[in-house]
Amino acid sequence: MKRTAQLLLFIATFVLLSGSSCDKYEKGEGITGVWRCRENYQGTKFRSYNVSVDRYTQLDSSTYVIYNLYNLGLDVETYVQLKDTVFTVLSTNSDLYFITGRGVWHRYSQTIDWEYSVSGQVNDPFVSATFDRP
């Protein structure tokens, strides 16, 4: 009987801990912070650099701001909205660069796969990138 109680306690603890880690990702806390961006751009070129993702609550709780997307620097902010696991690029704060596209967040592997285009000062119609944790 004592062994059965210990086994049930172990299982209950495991289930509680597993559930709390899923809640963390569902609330979006796994999205903010520094990410490494591995990007294929201008056809055949590749580069790797860091971006920073923060919440952007001025619109709503599902909106985020990405700093340094397309390696444009920390002054260029890209605003994205998350619905389920899909990000949609809304706009930037720059008059020189326009970014459109979308990304898919893979919660368990903690990666985001992006496809976007950049126009304005540069013209890059198809960029693919993956964000992962450095």
Protein backbone atom coordinates (compact mmCIF):
# COMPACT_ATOMS: atom_id res chain seq x y z
CA MET A 1 0.00 0.00 0.00
CA LYS A 2 2.83 2.37 0.89
CA ARG A 3 4.55 1.63 -2.41
CA THR A 4 1.34 2.33 -4.35
CA ALA A 5 0.92 5.68 -2.55
CA GLN A 6 4.52 6.63 -3.41
CA LEU A 7 3.98 5.69 -7.05
CA LEU A 8 0.78 7.76 -7.22
CA LEU A 9 2.54 10.71 -5.59
CA PHE A 10 5.38 10.45 -8.14
CA ILE A 11 2.93 10.34 -11.06
CA ALA A 12 0.92 13.29 -9.70
CA THR A 13 4.11 15.36 -9.27
CA PHE A 14 5.23 14.52 -12.82
CA VAL A 15 1.84 15.51 -14.28
CA LEU A 16 1.81 18.82 -12.37
CA LEU A 17 5.33 19.71 -13.48
CA SER A 18 4.59 18.79 -17.08
CA GLY A 19 1.44 20.90 -17.11
CA SER A 20 3.15 23.97 -15.70
CA SER A 21 5.86 23.92 -18.35
CA CYS A 22 3.24 23.85 -21.13
CA ASP A 23 1.45 26.82 -19.55
CA LYS A 24 4.70 28.79 -19.74
CA TYR A 25 4.85 28.41 -23.52
CA GLU A 26 1.14 29.02 -24.04
CA LYS A 27 1.42 32.38 -22.26
CA GLY A 28 4.15 33.43 -24.67
CA GLU A 29 6.96 33.66 -22.14
CA GLY A 30 9.03 31.35 -24.33
CA ILE A 31 9.02 33.88 -27.17
CA THR A 32 10.68 36.94 -25.66
CA GLY A 33 14.44 37.28 -25.39
CA VAL A 34 17.46 36.93 -27.64
CA TRP A 35 17.32 34.55 -30.61
CA ARG A 36 19.94 33.56 -33.16
CA CYS A 37 18.71 34.19 -36.69
CA ARG A 38 20.09 31.95 -39.45
CA GLU A 39 19.04 33.63 -42.64
CA ASN A 40 19.14 32.84 -46.36
CA TYR A 41 18.84 36.07 -48.32
CA GLN A 42 19.40 37.53 -51.80
CA GLY A 43 19.09 34.13 -53.40
CA THR A 44 22.15 32.22 -52.22
CA LYS A 45 23.68 34.22 -49.37
CA PHE A 46 23.67 33.04 -45.74
CA ARG A 47 24.30 34.90 -42.50
CA SER A 48 23.79 34.41 -38.80
CA TYR A 49 23.11 37.20 -36.32
CA ASN A 50 21.10 37.88 -33.15
CA VAL A 51 17.65 39.42 -32.88
CA SER A 52 15.73 40.44 -29.80
CA VAL A 53 12.01 39.81 -29.30
CA ASP A 54 9.90 41.73 -26.78
CA ARG A 55 6.21 42.06 -26.09
CA TYR A 56 4.54 45.06 -27.69
CA THR A 57 1.49 45.65 -25.52
CA GLN A 58 0.56 49.00 -27.12
CA LEU A 59 -1.57 47.08 -29.63
CA ASP A 60 -2.62 43.93 -27.72
CA SER A 61 -1.22 41.00 -25.79
CA SER A 62 -0.51 38.94 -28.93
CA THR A 63 1.81 41.51 -30.52
CA TYR A 64 5.61 41.42 -30.35
CA VAL A 65 8.43 43.62 -31.62
CA ILE A 66 11.55 42.16 -33.25
CA TYR A 67 14.71 44.23 -33.18
CA ASN A 68 17.36 43.73 -35.88
CA LEU A 69 15.34 41.58 -38.30
CA TYR A 70 17.18 41.30 -41.63
CA ASN A 71 20.22 42.59 -39.72
CA LEU A 72 18.90 46.16 -40.08
CA GLY A 73 20.03 47.23 -36.61
CA LEU A 74 18.35 47.77 -33.27
CA ASP A 75 16.71 51.02 -34.40
CA VAL A 76 14.46 49.19 -36.88
CA GLU A 77 11.52 47.58 -35.10
CA THR A 78 9.41 44.94 -36.82
CA TYR A 79 5.95 44.41 -35.34
CA VAL A 80 4.45 40.93 -35.53
CA GLN A 81 1.26 39.36 -34.25
CA LEU A 82 0.96 35.79 -32.97
CA LYS A 83 -2.19 33.75 -33.53
CA ASP A 84 -1.92 30.16 -32.32
CA THR A 85 1.56 29.31 -33.64
CA VAL A 86 1.64 31.64 -36.66
CA PHE A 87 3.30 35.05 -36.64
CA THR A 88 2.23 37.66 -39.17
CA VAL A 89 4.42 40.68 -39.87
CA LEU A 90 2.33 43.81 -39.37
CA SER A 91 4.75 46.67 -40.08
CA THR A 92 8.04 48.33 -39.16
CA ASN A 93 8.83 51.69 -37.59
CA SER A 94 11.01 52.61 -40.57
CA ASP A 95 10.18 54.64 -43.67
CA LEU A 96 13.19 53.10 -45.42
CA TYR A 97 12.38 49.38 -45.07
CA PHE A 98 9.15 47.46 -45.55
CA ILE A 99 8.88 43.87 -44.40
CA THR A 100 6.00 41.47 -45.09
CA GLY A 101 5.74 37.79 -44.29
CA ARG A 102 5.00 35.18 -41.69
CA GLY A 103 6.62 32.78 -39.28
CA VAL A 104 5.68 29.52 -37.59
CA TRP A 105 6.59 28.99 -33.93
CA HIS A 106 7.53 25.45 -32.94
CA ARG A 107 6.92 25.50 -29.19
CA TYR A 108 8.70 22.33 -28.19
CA SER A 109 11.84 22.77 -30.25
CA GLN A 110 11.82 26.51 -29.45
CA THR A 111 12.40 27.59 -33.06
CA ILE A 112 10.57 29.96 -35.38
CA ASP A 113 10.69 29.42 -39.16
CA TRP A 114 10.22 32.61 -41.17
CA GLU A 115 9.51 33.54 -44.80
CA TYR A 116 9.46 37.25 -45.56
CA SER A 117 10.32 39.88 -48.13
CA VAL A 118 12.12 43.18 -47.65
CA SER A 119 11.68 46.23 -49.85
CA GLY A 120 12.54 49.91 -49.76
CA GLN A 121 16.27 50.64 -49.46
CA VAL A 122 16.89 47.01 -50.42
CA ASN A 123 14.87 44.66 -52.60
CA ASP A 124 14.87 41.06 -51.38
CA PRO A 125 11.63 39.33 -52.43
CA PHE A 126 12.26 36.00 -50.68
CA VAL A 127 14.08 35.57 -47.38
CA SER A 128 13.93 32.40 -45.30
CA ALA A 129 15.20 32.33 -41.75
CA THR A 130 15.11 30.23 -38.61
CA PHE A 131 15.22 31.65 -35.11
CA ASP A 132 16.69 29.41 -32.46
CA ARG A 133 18.13 30.00 -29.02
CA PRO A 134 21.84 30.89 -28.97
